[in-house]
């Protein structure tokens, strides 16, 4: 593995619901993982792109929605497979920055990842999920449901970024 991927994601909460994207599993051959999971809209930052522009582009690509990018909420480091596990191939290493965002326009759609052809798309659907139902969904990262529930809504605007690492 030659590089660490920098990713961004958008945490949008409105009327007691959170905006999530259902994805096919990034490791479909791993029996410990579900075949699909729900994540915040987001993706890899492109070279020369600001973090704010990357969040806005990923929101538009995946959901069809425009957003205002607010505070940095969390930093999530992922090493997969987890360090110390032998004979599992190339190590994926990414750092994700989660931002609080407000939807400001657009029309919600189930978007596409432009880096994949139509027959290899990983996005299944986009939905506003009620906060009280989050335990009924396979969320990634796993800390997400508890993180959202423990923050007062005004806390997202004024929060101090938290750090999470694998395997959380």
N, C-alpha and C. Protein backbone atom coordinates (compact mmCIF):
# COMPACT_ATOMS: atom_id res chain seq x y z
N UNK A 1 0.84 -1.17 0.00
CA UNK A 1 0.00 0.00 0.00
C UNK A 1 0.88 1.23 0.00
N UNK A 2 0.60 2.17 -0.87
CA UNK A 2 1.51 3.28 -1.05
C UNK A 2 1.04 4.59 -0.43
N UNK A 3 -0.21 4.68 -0.03
CA UNK A 3 -0.67 5.97 0.48
C UNK A 3 -1.80 5.81 1.49
N UNK A 4 -1.99 6.88 2.26
CA UNK A 4 -3.12 6.97 3.17
C UNK A 4 -4.18 7.77 2.44
N UNK A 5 -5.40 7.26 2.39
CA UNK A 5 -6.50 7.98 1.74
C UNK A 5 -7.14 8.94 2.71
N UNK A 6 -7.34 10.18 2.27
CA UNK A 6 -8.04 11.17 3.06
C UNK A 6 -9.48 11.21 2.57
N UNK A 7 -10.41 11.00 3.50
CA UNK A 7 -11.83 10.97 3.17
C UNK A 7 -12.55 12.04 3.98
N UNK A 8 -13.71 12.44 3.49
CA UNK A 8 -14.58 13.36 4.21
C UNK A 8 -15.97 12.75 4.26
N UNK A 9 -16.76 13.17 5.26
CA UNK A 9 -18.15 12.74 5.32
C UNK A 9 -18.99 13.85 5.92
N UNK A 10 -20.30 13.79 5.62
CA UNK A 10 -21.24 14.82 6.03
C UNK A 10 -22.27 14.24 6.97
N UNK A 11 -22.35 14.78 8.18
CA UNK A 11 -23.38 14.39 9.13
C UNK A 11 -24.49 15.43 9.06
N UNK A 12 -25.61 15.05 8.46
CA UNK A 12 -26.76 15.94 8.29
C UNK A 12 -27.91 15.41 9.13
N UNK A 13 -28.40 16.24 10.04
CA UNK A 13 -29.53 15.87 10.88
C UNK A 13 -30.63 16.90 10.68
N UNK A 14 -31.85 16.39 10.45
CA UNK A 14 -32.99 17.28 10.23
C UNK A 14 -34.24 16.59 10.76
N UNK A 15 -35.00 17.29 11.57
CA UNK A 15 -36.28 16.78 12.06
C UNK A 15 -36.16 15.40 12.69
N UNK A 16 -35.11 15.19 13.50
CA UNK A 16 -34.95 13.92 14.19
C UNK A 16 -34.52 12.77 13.30
N UNK A 17 -33.92 13.09 12.15
CA UNK A 17 -33.47 12.06 11.22
C UNK A 17 -32.05 12.39 10.76
N UNK A 18 -31.31 11.36 10.37
CA UNK A 18 -29.96 11.52 9.85
C UNK A 18 -29.92 11.01 8.42
N UNK A 19 -29.20 11.71 7.57
CA UNK A 19 -29.06 11.33 6.17
C UNK A 19 -27.98 10.26 6.05
N UNK A 20 -28.36 9.09 5.51
CA UNK A 20 -27.42 7.98 5.36
C UNK A 20 -27.50 7.38 3.96
N UNK A 21 -26.41 6.78 3.56
CA UNK A 21 -26.29 6.12 2.26
C UNK A 21 -26.04 4.64 2.52
N UNK A 22 -26.86 3.77 1.91
CA UNK A 22 -26.61 2.33 2.03
C UNK A 22 -25.64 1.92 0.93
N UNK A 23 -24.55 1.27 1.34
CA UNK A 23 -23.49 0.82 0.44
C UNK A 23 -23.37 -0.69 0.48
N UNK A 24 -22.95 -1.26 -0.63
CA UNK A 24 -22.52 -2.65 -0.61
C UNK A 24 -21.25 -2.72 0.23
N UNK A 25 -20.99 -3.85 0.83
CA UNK A 25 -19.82 -4.02 1.68
C UNK A 25 -18.53 -3.75 0.91
N UNK A 26 -17.58 -3.08 1.59
CA UNK A 26 -16.28 -2.85 0.96
C UNK A 26 -15.41 -4.10 1.03
N UNK A 27 -15.83 -5.10 1.79
CA UNK A 27 -15.11 -6.37 1.90
C UNK A 27 -16.12 -7.51 1.84
N UNK A 28 -16.70 -7.76 0.64
CA UNK A 28 -17.78 -8.75 0.54
C UNK A 28 -17.38 -10.17 0.90
N UNK A 29 -16.09 -10.48 0.91
CA UNK A 29 -15.65 -11.83 1.24
C UNK A 29 -15.38 -12.03 2.73
N UNK A 30 -15.56 -10.97 3.52
CA UNK A 30 -15.33 -11.07 4.96
C UNK A 30 -16.63 -11.48 5.64
N UNK A 31 -16.71 -12.71 6.17
CA UNK A 31 -17.97 -13.19 6.78
C UNK A 31 -18.36 -12.44 8.05
N UNK A 32 -17.43 -11.68 8.64
CA UNK A 32 -17.74 -10.92 9.86
C UNK A 32 -18.47 -9.62 9.54
N UNK A 33 -18.52 -9.24 8.27
CA UNK A 33 -19.15 -7.97 7.89
C UNK A 33 -20.47 -8.21 7.19
N UNK A 34 -21.42 -7.28 7.33
CA UNK A 34 -22.70 -7.42 6.62
C UNK A 34 -22.51 -7.22 5.12
N UNK A 35 -23.48 -7.68 4.33
CA UNK A 35 -23.39 -7.53 2.87
C UNK A 35 -23.59 -6.07 2.44
N UNK A 36 -24.24 -5.28 3.30
CA UNK A 36 -24.37 -3.85 3.05
C UNK A 36 -24.36 -3.14 4.41
N UNK A 37 -24.09 -1.87 4.37
CA UNK A 37 -24.05 -1.08 5.59
C UNK A 37 -24.43 0.36 5.25
N UNK A 38 -24.82 1.12 6.25
CA UNK A 38 -25.25 2.51 6.10
C UNK A 38 -24.14 3.43 6.59
N UNK A 39 -23.78 4.40 5.76
CA UNK A 39 -22.71 5.33 6.10
C UNK A 39 -23.16 6.75 5.83
N UNK A 40 -22.40 7.69 6.34
CA UNK A 40 -22.63 9.09 6.03
C UNK A 40 -22.20 9.35 4.58
N UNK A 41 -22.86 10.26 3.87
CA UNK A 41 -22.40 10.61 2.53
C UNK A 41 -20.96 11.11 2.61
N UNK A 42 -20.14 10.69 1.67
CA UNK A 42 -18.75 11.14 1.68
C UNK A 42 -17.88 10.30 0.79
N UNK A 43 -16.60 10.65 0.77
CA UNK A 43 -15.66 9.93 -0.05
C UNK A 43 -14.28 10.57 -0.02
N UNK A 44 -13.45 10.16 -0.95
CA UNK A 44 -12.05 10.56 -1.00
C UNK A 44 -11.90 12.00 -1.50
N UNK A 45 -11.02 12.74 -0.85
CA UNK A 45 -10.68 14.09 -1.27
C UNK A 45 -9.76 14.00 -2.47
N UNK A 46 -10.08 14.74 -3.51
CA UNK A 46 -9.25 14.75 -4.72
C UNK A 46 -8.09 15.73 -4.55
N UNK A 47 -7.00 15.44 -5.21
CA UNK A 47 -5.82 16.30 -5.14
C UNK A 47 -6.18 17.73 -5.56
N UNK A 48 -5.80 18.71 -4.74
CA UNK A 48 -6.07 20.11 -5.03
C UNK A 48 -7.46 20.58 -4.61
N UNK A 49 -8.25 19.70 -4.04
CA UNK A 49 -9.61 20.03 -3.63
C UNK A 49 -9.63 20.39 -2.15
N UNK A 50 -10.36 21.44 -1.78
CA UNK A 50 -10.49 21.77 -0.36
C UNK A 50 -11.40 20.75 0.30
N UNK A 51 -11.30 20.65 1.63
CA UNK A 51 -12.16 19.73 2.36
C UNK A 51 -13.62 20.11 2.17
N UNK A 52 -13.94 21.40 2.25
CA UNK A 52 -15.31 21.85 2.07
C UNK A 52 -15.84 21.49 0.68
N UNK A 53 -15.05 21.72 -0.34
CA UNK A 53 -15.47 21.38 -1.70
C UNK A 53 -15.66 19.88 -1.86
N UNK A 54 -14.81 19.10 -1.21
CA UNK A 54 -14.93 17.64 -1.30
C UNK A 54 -16.23 17.16 -0.66
N UNK A 55 -16.58 17.71 0.51
CA UNK A 55 -17.83 17.34 1.17
C UNK A 55 -19.00 17.70 0.26
N UNK A 56 -19.01 18.90 -0.28
CA UNK A 56 -20.11 19.34 -1.14
C UNK A 56 -20.22 18.49 -2.41
N UNK A 57 -19.09 18.14 -3.02
CA UNK A 57 -19.10 17.30 -4.22
C UNK A 57 -19.64 15.92 -3.91
N UNK A 58 -19.14 15.32 -2.83
CA UNK A 58 -19.59 13.97 -2.46
C UNK A 58 -21.07 13.96 -2.12
N UNK A 59 -21.56 14.98 -1.42
CA UNK A 59 -23.00 15.07 -1.12
C UNK A 59 -23.81 15.10 -2.42
N UNK A 60 -23.38 15.92 -3.36
CA UNK A 60 -24.12 16.03 -4.62
C UNK A 60 -24.07 14.72 -5.39
N UNK A 61 -22.88 14.10 -5.49
CA UNK A 61 -22.75 12.85 -6.24
C UNK A 61 -23.60 11.73 -5.64
N UNK A 62 -23.60 11.62 -4.32
CA UNK A 62 -24.24 10.48 -3.68
C UNK A 62 -25.71 10.69 -3.35
N UNK A 63 -26.11 11.95 -3.12
CA UNK A 63 -27.48 12.20 -2.65
C UNK A 63 -28.27 13.19 -3.50
N UNK A 64 -27.60 13.96 -4.36
CA UNK A 64 -28.28 15.00 -5.13
C UNK A 64 -28.57 16.26 -4.32
N UNK A 65 -28.06 16.32 -3.08
CA UNK A 65 -28.35 17.44 -2.19
C UNK A 65 -27.16 18.38 -2.06
N UNK A 66 -27.46 19.66 -1.91
CA UNK A 66 -26.45 20.68 -1.65
C UNK A 66 -26.35 20.87 -0.14
N UNK A 67 -25.19 21.33 0.33
CA UNK A 67 -25.05 21.51 1.77
C UNK A 67 -24.11 22.66 2.11
N UNK A 68 -24.31 23.14 3.32
CA UNK A 68 -23.38 24.08 3.95
C UNK A 68 -22.54 23.24 4.89
N UNK A 69 -21.23 23.37 4.79
CA UNK A 69 -20.32 22.57 5.61
C UNK A 69 -19.99 23.34 6.88
N UNK A 70 -20.22 22.70 8.02
CA UNK A 70 -19.96 23.32 9.31
C UNK A 70 -18.72 22.77 9.97
N UNK A 71 -18.79 22.60 11.28
CA UNK A 71 -17.66 22.19 12.11
C UNK A 71 -17.19 20.77 11.84
N UNK A 72 -15.89 20.56 12.04
CA UNK A 72 -15.31 19.23 12.08
C UNK A 72 -15.78 18.56 13.37
N UNK A 73 -16.36 17.35 13.24
CA UNK A 73 -16.90 16.63 14.40
C UNK A 73 -16.02 15.49 14.87
N UNK A 74 -15.49 14.73 13.89
CA UNK A 74 -14.69 13.58 14.28
C UNK A 74 -13.65 13.26 13.23
N UNK A 75 -12.64 12.53 13.70
CA UNK A 75 -11.57 12.02 12.85
C UNK A 75 -11.58 10.52 13.08
N UNK A 76 -11.65 9.74 12.00
CA UNK A 76 -11.72 8.27 12.10
C UNK A 76 -10.60 7.67 11.28
N UNK A 77 -9.74 6.91 11.92
CA UNK A 77 -8.68 6.20 11.21
C UNK A 77 -9.09 4.75 11.02
N UNK A 78 -8.93 4.25 9.81
CA UNK A 78 -9.27 2.86 9.49
C UNK A 78 -8.05 2.15 8.94
N UNK A 79 -7.70 1.04 9.56
CA UNK A 79 -6.71 0.12 9.04
C UNK A 79 -7.43 -1.20 8.82
N UNK A 80 -7.45 -1.67 7.57
CA UNK A 80 -8.17 -2.90 7.27
C UNK A 80 -7.32 -3.76 6.34
N UNK A 81 -7.09 -5.02 6.57
CA UNK A 81 -7.45 -5.70 7.80
C UNK A 81 -6.68 -5.11 8.97
N UNK A 82 -7.16 -5.37 10.17
CA UNK A 82 -6.57 -4.75 11.35
C UNK A 82 -5.10 -5.14 11.48
N UNK A 83 -4.26 -4.22 11.94
CA UNK A 83 -2.84 -4.53 12.11
C UNK A 83 -2.64 -5.76 12.98
N UNK A 84 -1.62 -6.54 12.65
CA UNK A 84 -1.29 -7.71 13.45
C UNK A 84 -1.93 -8.99 12.93
N UNK A 85 -2.82 -8.90 11.96
CA UNK A 85 -3.44 -10.10 11.40
C UNK A 85 -2.62 -10.51 10.17
N UNK A 86 -2.01 -11.68 10.23
CA UNK A 86 -1.12 -12.09 9.14
C UNK A 86 -1.90 -12.71 7.99
N UNK A 87 -1.29 -12.71 6.83
CA UNK A 87 -1.79 -13.38 5.62
C UNK A 87 -3.16 -12.88 5.17
N UNK A 88 -3.43 -11.58 5.31
CA UNK A 88 -4.72 -11.06 4.83
C UNK A 88 -4.56 -10.03 3.72
N UNK A 89 -3.42 -10.00 3.07
CA UNK A 89 -3.30 -9.13 1.91
C UNK A 89 -2.93 -7.70 2.24
N UNK A 90 -3.13 -6.84 1.27
CA UNK A 90 -2.74 -5.44 1.37
C UNK A 90 -3.54 -4.71 2.44
N UNK A 91 -2.87 -3.87 3.18
CA UNK A 91 -3.50 -3.11 4.24
C UNK A 91 -4.09 -1.82 3.68
N UNK A 92 -5.39 -1.63 3.88
CA UNK A 92 -6.06 -0.37 3.53
C UNK A 92 -5.88 0.58 4.70
N UNK A 93 -5.51 1.83 4.40
CA UNK A 93 -5.34 2.83 5.45
C UNK A 93 -6.02 4.12 4.99
N UNK A 94 -7.03 4.56 5.75
CA UNK A 94 -7.69 5.81 5.43
C UNK A 94 -7.95 6.60 6.70
N UNK A 95 -8.04 7.91 6.54
CA UNK A 95 -8.40 8.82 7.61
C UNK A 95 -9.62 9.59 7.12
N UNK A 96 -10.70 9.53 7.88
CA UNK A 96 -11.95 10.20 7.51
C UNK A 96 -12.21 11.36 8.46
N UNK A 97 -12.59 12.49 7.88
CA UNK A 97 -12.96 13.67 8.64
C UNK A 97 -14.46 13.86 8.50
N UNK A 98 -15.16 13.83 9.63
CA UNK A 98 -16.62 13.98 9.62
C UNK A 98 -17.01 15.41 9.97
N UNK A 99 -17.81 16.03 9.11
CA UNK A 99 -18.24 17.42 9.31
C UNK A 99 -19.75 17.48 9.54
N UNK A 100 -20.17 18.39 10.39
CA UNK A 100 -21.59 18.67 10.55
C UNK A 100 -22.02 19.52 9.35
N UNK A 101 -23.11 19.13 8.69
CA UNK A 101 -23.56 19.84 7.49
C UNK A 101 -25.06 20.11 7.57
N UNK A 102 -25.47 21.14 6.87
CA UNK A 102 -26.88 21.49 6.76
C UNK A 102 -27.28 21.41 5.29
N UNK A 103 -28.32 20.65 5.00
CA UNK A 103 -28.82 20.57 3.63
C UNK A 103 -29.43 21.92 3.26
N UNK A 104 -29.00 22.46 2.12
CA UNK A 104 -29.46 23.78 1.71
C UNK A 104 -30.24 23.78 0.39
N UNK A 105 -30.29 22.65 -0.29
CA UNK A 105 -31.02 22.60 -1.56
C UNK A 105 -30.80 21.28 -2.26
N UNK A 106 -31.27 21.24 -3.50
CA UNK A 106 -31.15 20.03 -4.30
C UNK A 106 -32.38 19.15 -4.18
N UNK A 107 -32.34 18.02 -4.83
CA UNK A 107 -33.43 17.04 -4.80
C UNK A 107 -32.80 15.69 -4.51
N UNK A 108 -33.28 15.01 -3.47
CA UNK A 108 -32.66 13.76 -3.05
C UNK A 108 -32.82 12.68 -4.11
N UNK A 109 -31.71 12.05 -4.45
CA UNK A 109 -31.66 10.94 -5.39
C UNK A 109 -30.73 9.87 -4.82
N UNK A 110 -30.78 8.69 -5.38
CA UNK A 110 -29.76 7.69 -5.10
C UNK A 110 -28.69 7.90 -6.14
N UNK A 111 -27.57 8.44 -5.73
CA UNK A 111 -26.51 8.84 -6.64
C UNK A 111 -25.62 7.69 -7.07
N UNK A 112 -24.53 8.07 -7.70
CA UNK A 112 -23.55 7.12 -8.22
C UNK A 112 -22.16 7.57 -7.83
N UNK A 113 -21.25 6.60 -7.74
CA UNK A 113 -19.84 6.90 -7.58
C UNK A 113 -19.24 6.98 -8.98
N UNK A 114 -18.77 8.17 -9.40
CA UNK A 114 -18.29 8.31 -10.78
C UNK A 114 -17.06 7.47 -11.10
N UNK A 115 -16.35 7.00 -10.07
CA UNK A 115 -15.17 6.18 -10.34
C UNK A 115 -15.51 4.73 -10.68
N UNK A 116 -16.79 4.34 -10.55
CA UNK A 116 -17.20 2.97 -10.86
C UNK A 116 -18.13 2.95 -12.07
N UNK A 117 -18.01 1.91 -12.93
CA UNK A 117 -18.97 1.76 -14.02
C UNK A 117 -20.35 1.40 -13.47
N UNK A 118 -21.39 1.56 -14.28
CA UNK A 118 -22.77 1.32 -13.83
C UNK A 118 -22.97 -0.07 -13.24
N UNK A 119 -22.32 -1.08 -13.79
CA UNK A 119 -22.53 -2.45 -13.30
C UNK A 119 -21.73 -2.77 -12.03
N UNK A 120 -20.94 -1.82 -11.54
CA UNK A 120 -20.14 -2.05 -10.32
C UNK A 120 -20.42 -0.99 -9.25
N UNK A 121 -21.54 -0.31 -9.35
CA UNK A 121 -21.89 0.71 -8.37
C UNK A 121 -22.05 0.10 -6.98
N UNK A 122 -21.66 0.86 -5.95
CA UNK A 122 -21.74 0.37 -4.57
C UNK A 122 -22.87 1.03 -3.78
N UNK A 123 -23.40 2.14 -4.27
CA UNK A 123 -24.50 2.80 -3.58
C UNK A 123 -25.80 2.07 -3.89
N UNK A 124 -26.53 1.70 -2.83
CA UNK A 124 -27.80 1.00 -2.98
C UNK A 124 -28.96 1.98 -2.90
N UNK A 125 -28.96 2.81 -1.85
CA UNK A 125 -30.03 3.78 -1.68
C UNK A 125 -29.58 4.89 -0.74
N UNK A 126 -30.35 5.96 -0.70
CA UNK A 126 -30.13 7.10 0.19
C UNK A 126 -31.43 7.33 0.94
N UNK A 127 -31.32 7.62 2.25
CA UNK A 127 -32.54 7.80 3.03
C UNK A 127 -32.28 8.64 4.27
N UNK A 128 -33.35 9.32 4.71
CA UNK A 128 -33.34 9.96 6.02
C UNK A 128 -33.82 8.90 7.01
N UNK A 129 -32.99 8.54 7.97
CA UNK A 129 -33.29 7.49 8.94
C UNK A 129 -33.60 8.14 10.29
N UNK A 130 -34.75 7.80 10.91
CA UNK A 130 -35.06 8.35 12.23
C UNK A 130 -33.99 7.98 13.25
N UNK A 131 -33.59 8.95 14.05
CA UNK A 131 -32.55 8.71 15.05
C UNK A 131 -32.92 7.57 15.99
N UNK A 132 -34.20 7.45 16.34
CA UNK A 132 -34.62 6.40 17.27
C UNK A 132 -34.59 5.01 16.64
N UNK A 133 -34.39 4.90 15.32
CA UNK A 133 -34.32 3.61 14.64
C UNK A 133 -32.90 3.16 14.30
N UNK A 134 -31.89 3.92 14.67
CA UNK A 134 -30.52 3.63 14.23
C UNK A 134 -30.04 2.23 14.63
N UNK A 135 -30.54 1.71 15.74
CA UNK A 135 -30.10 0.38 16.18
C UNK A 135 -30.57 -0.73 15.25
N UNK A 136 -31.49 -0.43 14.35
CA UNK A 136 -32.01 -1.43 13.41
C UNK A 136 -31.23 -1.47 12.10
N UNK A 137 -30.13 -0.71 12.03
CA UNK A 137 -29.34 -0.62 10.80
C UNK A 137 -27.90 -0.99 11.09
N UNK A 138 -27.24 -1.60 10.09
CA UNK A 138 -25.80 -1.85 10.19
C UNK A 138 -25.11 -0.56 9.78
N UNK A 139 -24.59 0.17 10.77
CA UNK A 139 -23.94 1.45 10.51
C UNK A 139 -22.43 1.29 10.48
N UNK A 140 -21.80 2.10 9.65
CA UNK A 140 -20.35 2.21 9.68
C UNK A 140 -20.00 3.69 9.64
N UNK A 141 -19.11 4.13 10.48
CA UNK A 141 -18.39 3.34 11.48
C UNK A 141 -19.29 2.92 12.63
N UNK A 142 -18.92 1.85 13.34
CA UNK A 142 -19.78 1.30 14.39
C UNK A 142 -20.11 2.28 15.52
N UNK A 143 -19.26 3.27 15.76
CA UNK A 143 -19.52 4.23 16.84
C UNK A 143 -20.59 5.25 16.47
N UNK A 144 -21.02 5.31 15.21
CA UNK A 144 -21.84 6.40 14.71
C UNK A 144 -23.16 6.58 15.46
N UNK A 145 -23.91 5.52 15.68
CA UNK A 145 -25.22 5.66 16.34
C UNK A 145 -25.06 6.24 17.74
N UNK A 146 -24.14 5.69 18.52
CA UNK A 146 -23.93 6.22 19.88
C UNK A 146 -23.42 7.66 19.84
N UNK A 147 -22.54 7.94 18.90
CA UNK A 147 -22.01 9.30 18.78
C UNK A 147 -23.13 10.30 18.53
N UNK A 148 -24.02 9.99 17.61
CA UNK A 148 -25.13 10.90 17.28
C UNK A 148 -26.06 11.06 18.47
N UNK A 149 -26.40 9.95 19.11
CA UNK A 149 -27.35 10.00 20.22
C UNK A 149 -26.81 10.76 21.44
N UNK A 150 -25.50 10.75 21.64
CA UNK A 150 -24.95 11.39 22.84
C UNK A 150 -24.68 12.87 22.66
N UNK A 151 -24.87 13.39 21.45
CA UNK A 151 -24.61 14.81 21.21
C UNK A 151 -25.92 15.60 21.26
N UNK A 152 -25.96 16.67 22.04
CA UNK A 152 -27.13 17.54 21.93
C UNK A 152 -27.09 18.20 20.55
N UNK A 153 -28.25 18.43 19.94
CA UNK A 153 -28.27 18.95 18.57
C UNK A 153 -27.42 20.20 18.43
N UNK A 154 -27.46 21.10 19.42
CA UNK A 154 -26.63 22.30 19.33
C UNK A 154 -25.15 21.96 19.48
N UNK A 155 -24.85 20.78 20.06
CA UNK A 155 -23.47 20.33 20.22
C UNK A 155 -22.76 20.09 18.91
N UNK A 156 -23.49 19.76 17.87
CA UNK A 156 -22.86 19.53 16.57
C UNK A 156 -22.26 20.81 16.02
N UNK A 157 -22.89 21.93 16.31
CA UNK A 157 -22.39 23.22 15.83
C UNK A 157 -21.19 23.70 16.63
N UNK A 158 -21.09 23.28 17.90
CA UNK A 158 -20.05 23.82 18.78
C UNK A 158 -19.13 22.73 19.33
N UNK A 159 -19.24 21.53 18.80
CA UNK A 159 -18.50 20.41 19.36
C UNK A 159 -17.00 20.49 19.13
N UNK A 160 -16.28 19.76 19.96
CA UNK A 160 -14.84 19.60 19.82
C UNK A 160 -14.62 18.27 19.09
N UNK A 161 -13.80 18.25 18.04
CA UNK A 161 -13.60 17.00 17.29
C UNK A 161 -13.10 15.86 18.17
N UNK A 162 -13.63 14.66 17.91
CA UNK A 162 -13.22 13.46 18.63
C UNK A 162 -12.46 12.55 17.67
N UNK A 163 -11.56 11.73 18.23
CA UNK A 163 -10.76 10.82 17.42
C UNK A 163 -11.18 9.38 17.69
N UNK A 164 -11.38 8.62 16.62
CA UNK A 164 -11.73 7.20 16.71
C UNK A 164 -10.77 6.43 15.82
N UNK A 165 -10.37 5.23 16.25
CA UNK A 165 -9.45 4.42 15.43
C UNK A 165 -9.98 3.00 15.30
N UNK A 166 -9.41 2.26 14.36
CA UNK A 166 -9.75 0.85 14.19
C UNK A 166 -9.49 0.13 15.50
N UNK A 167 -10.26 -0.86 15.87
CA UNK A 167 -11.38 -1.45 15.14
C UNK A 167 -12.72 -0.84 15.46
N UNK A 168 -12.79 0.35 16.06
CA UNK A 168 -14.07 0.97 16.40
C UNK A 168 -14.87 1.31 15.16
